N, C-alpha and C. Protein backbone atom coordinates (compact mmCIF):
# COMPACT_ATOMS: atom_id res chain seq x y z
N UNK A 1 24.59 -13.30 -75.09
CA UNK A 1 25.32 -12.42 -74.27
C UNK A 1 24.45 -12.06 -73.14
N UNK A 2 22.94 -11.80 -73.08
CA UNK A 2 22.30 -11.37 -71.70
C UNK A 2 22.03 -12.36 -71.05
N UNK A 3 22.07 -13.39 -71.28
CA UNK A 3 21.83 -14.69 -70.33
C UNK A 3 22.99 -14.58 -69.69
N UNK A 4 24.24 -14.54 -69.98
CA UNK A 4 25.54 -14.70 -69.48
C UNK A 4 25.85 -13.83 -68.44
N UNK A 5 25.12 -12.51 -68.67
CA UNK A 5 25.29 -11.18 -67.77
C UNK A 5 24.25 -11.67 -66.65
N UNK A 6 23.11 -11.52 -67.02
CA UNK A 6 22.26 -12.49 -65.95
C UNK A 6 22.77 -13.58 -65.15
N UNK A 7 23.35 -14.35 -65.56
CA UNK A 7 24.01 -15.44 -64.87
C UNK A 7 24.99 -15.12 -64.00
N UNK A 8 26.07 -14.35 -64.25
CA UNK A 8 26.95 -13.74 -63.61
C UNK A 8 26.35 -12.86 -62.55
N UNK A 9 25.58 -11.91 -62.87
CA UNK A 9 25.01 -10.91 -61.80
C UNK A 9 24.29 -11.76 -60.68
N UNK A 10 23.57 -12.47 -60.88
CA UNK A 10 23.07 -13.78 -59.83
C UNK A 10 24.16 -14.36 -59.28
N UNK A 11 25.15 -14.73 -59.42
CA UNK A 11 26.29 -15.47 -59.10
C UNK A 11 26.86 -14.51 -58.02
N UNK A 12 27.06 -13.45 -58.27
CA UNK A 12 27.83 -12.16 -57.79
C UNK A 12 26.57 -11.63 -56.63
N UNK A 13 25.42 -11.47 -57.02
CA UNK A 13 24.50 -11.29 -55.87
C UNK A 13 24.75 -12.59 -54.86
N UNK A 14 24.60 -13.46 -55.10
CA UNK A 14 24.80 -14.85 -54.14
C UNK A 14 25.65 -14.66 -53.11
N UNK A 15 27.08 -14.33 -53.92
CA UNK A 15 28.30 -14.10 -53.27
C UNK A 15 28.08 -12.67 -52.64
N UNK A 16 27.64 -12.00 -52.94
CA UNK A 16 27.37 -10.71 -52.18
C UNK A 16 26.82 -10.73 -50.80
N UNK A 17 25.41 -11.72 -51.06
CA UNK A 17 24.73 -12.26 -49.78
C UNK A 17 24.96 -13.03 -48.48
N UNK A 18 25.82 -14.07 -49.33
CA UNK A 18 27.08 -14.76 -48.10
C UNK A 18 27.89 -14.10 -47.71
N UNK A 19 28.10 -12.97 -48.29
CA UNK A 19 29.61 -12.15 -47.60
C UNK A 19 28.62 -11.26 -46.62
N UNK A 20 27.86 -10.76 -46.83
CA UNK A 20 27.07 -9.91 -45.87
C UNK A 20 26.66 -11.01 -44.74
N UNK A 21 25.87 -12.11 -44.93
CA UNK A 21 25.86 -13.23 -44.07
C UNK A 21 26.85 -13.19 -43.18
N UNK A 22 28.00 -13.81 -43.55
CA UNK A 22 29.41 -13.90 -42.50
C UNK A 22 29.63 -12.44 -41.68
N UNK A 23 29.61 -11.78 -42.47
CA UNK A 23 29.70 -10.11 -41.90
C UNK A 23 28.91 -9.70 -40.68
N UNK A 24 27.30 -10.34 -40.78
CA UNK A 24 26.63 -10.25 -39.86
C UNK A 24 27.10 -11.40 -38.53
N UNK A 25 27.16 -12.36 -39.00
CA UNK A 25 27.48 -13.33 -37.81
C UNK A 25 28.58 -13.06 -37.17
N UNK A 26 29.90 -12.67 -37.80
CA UNK A 26 31.11 -12.01 -36.69
C UNK A 26 31.23 -10.83 -36.31
N UNK A 27 29.81 -10.00 -36.75
CA UNK A 27 30.02 -8.84 -35.63
C UNK A 27 29.18 -9.49 -34.47
N UNK A 28 27.84 -10.01 -34.93
CA UNK A 28 27.28 -10.73 -34.04
C UNK A 28 27.85 -11.49 -32.92
N UNK A 29 28.90 -12.07 -33.05
CA UNK A 29 29.76 -12.82 -32.35
C UNK A 29 30.56 -12.20 -31.69
N UNK A 30 30.85 -11.07 -32.13
CA UNK A 30 31.96 -9.96 -31.34
C UNK A 30 31.21 -9.71 -30.43
N UNK A 31 30.17 -9.01 -31.01
CA UNK A 31 29.15 -8.50 -29.87
C UNK A 31 28.69 -9.25 -28.52
N UNK A 32 28.37 -10.45 -29.09
CA UNK A 32 28.08 -11.25 -27.86
C UNK A 32 29.31 -11.48 -26.85
N UNK A 33 30.60 -11.77 -27.42
CA UNK A 33 31.78 -12.13 -27.03
C UNK A 33 31.86 -10.34 -25.94
N UNK A 34 31.99 -9.56 -26.51
CA UNK A 34 31.96 -8.23 -25.78
C UNK A 34 31.26 -8.09 -24.46
N UNK A 35 29.76 -8.69 -25.01
CA UNK A 35 28.75 -8.59 -23.62
C UNK A 35 29.48 -9.44 -22.52
N UNK A 36 29.48 -10.80 -23.00
CA UNK A 36 29.69 -11.90 -22.00
C UNK A 36 31.07 -11.28 -20.90
N UNK A 37 32.03 -10.70 -21.57
CA UNK A 37 33.34 -10.32 -20.84
C UNK A 37 32.85 -9.32 -19.93
N UNK A 38 32.07 -8.18 -20.34
CA UNK A 38 31.72 -7.18 -19.60
C UNK A 38 31.11 -7.70 -18.35
N UNK A 39 30.35 -8.60 -18.52
CA UNK A 39 29.23 -8.91 -17.30
C UNK A 39 30.45 -9.90 -16.34
N UNK A 40 31.25 -10.22 -16.73
CA UNK A 40 32.11 -11.09 -15.66
C UNK A 40 33.08 -10.14 -14.84
């Protein structure tokens, strides 16, 4: 039972890290596009 919980925890941790990366990329892209629009 403990091993399954550990695997599930690692799996959700990886999903969370991927989600965080996607979010950072999204906001970074949006910030970059906002900056380029302001410079026009």
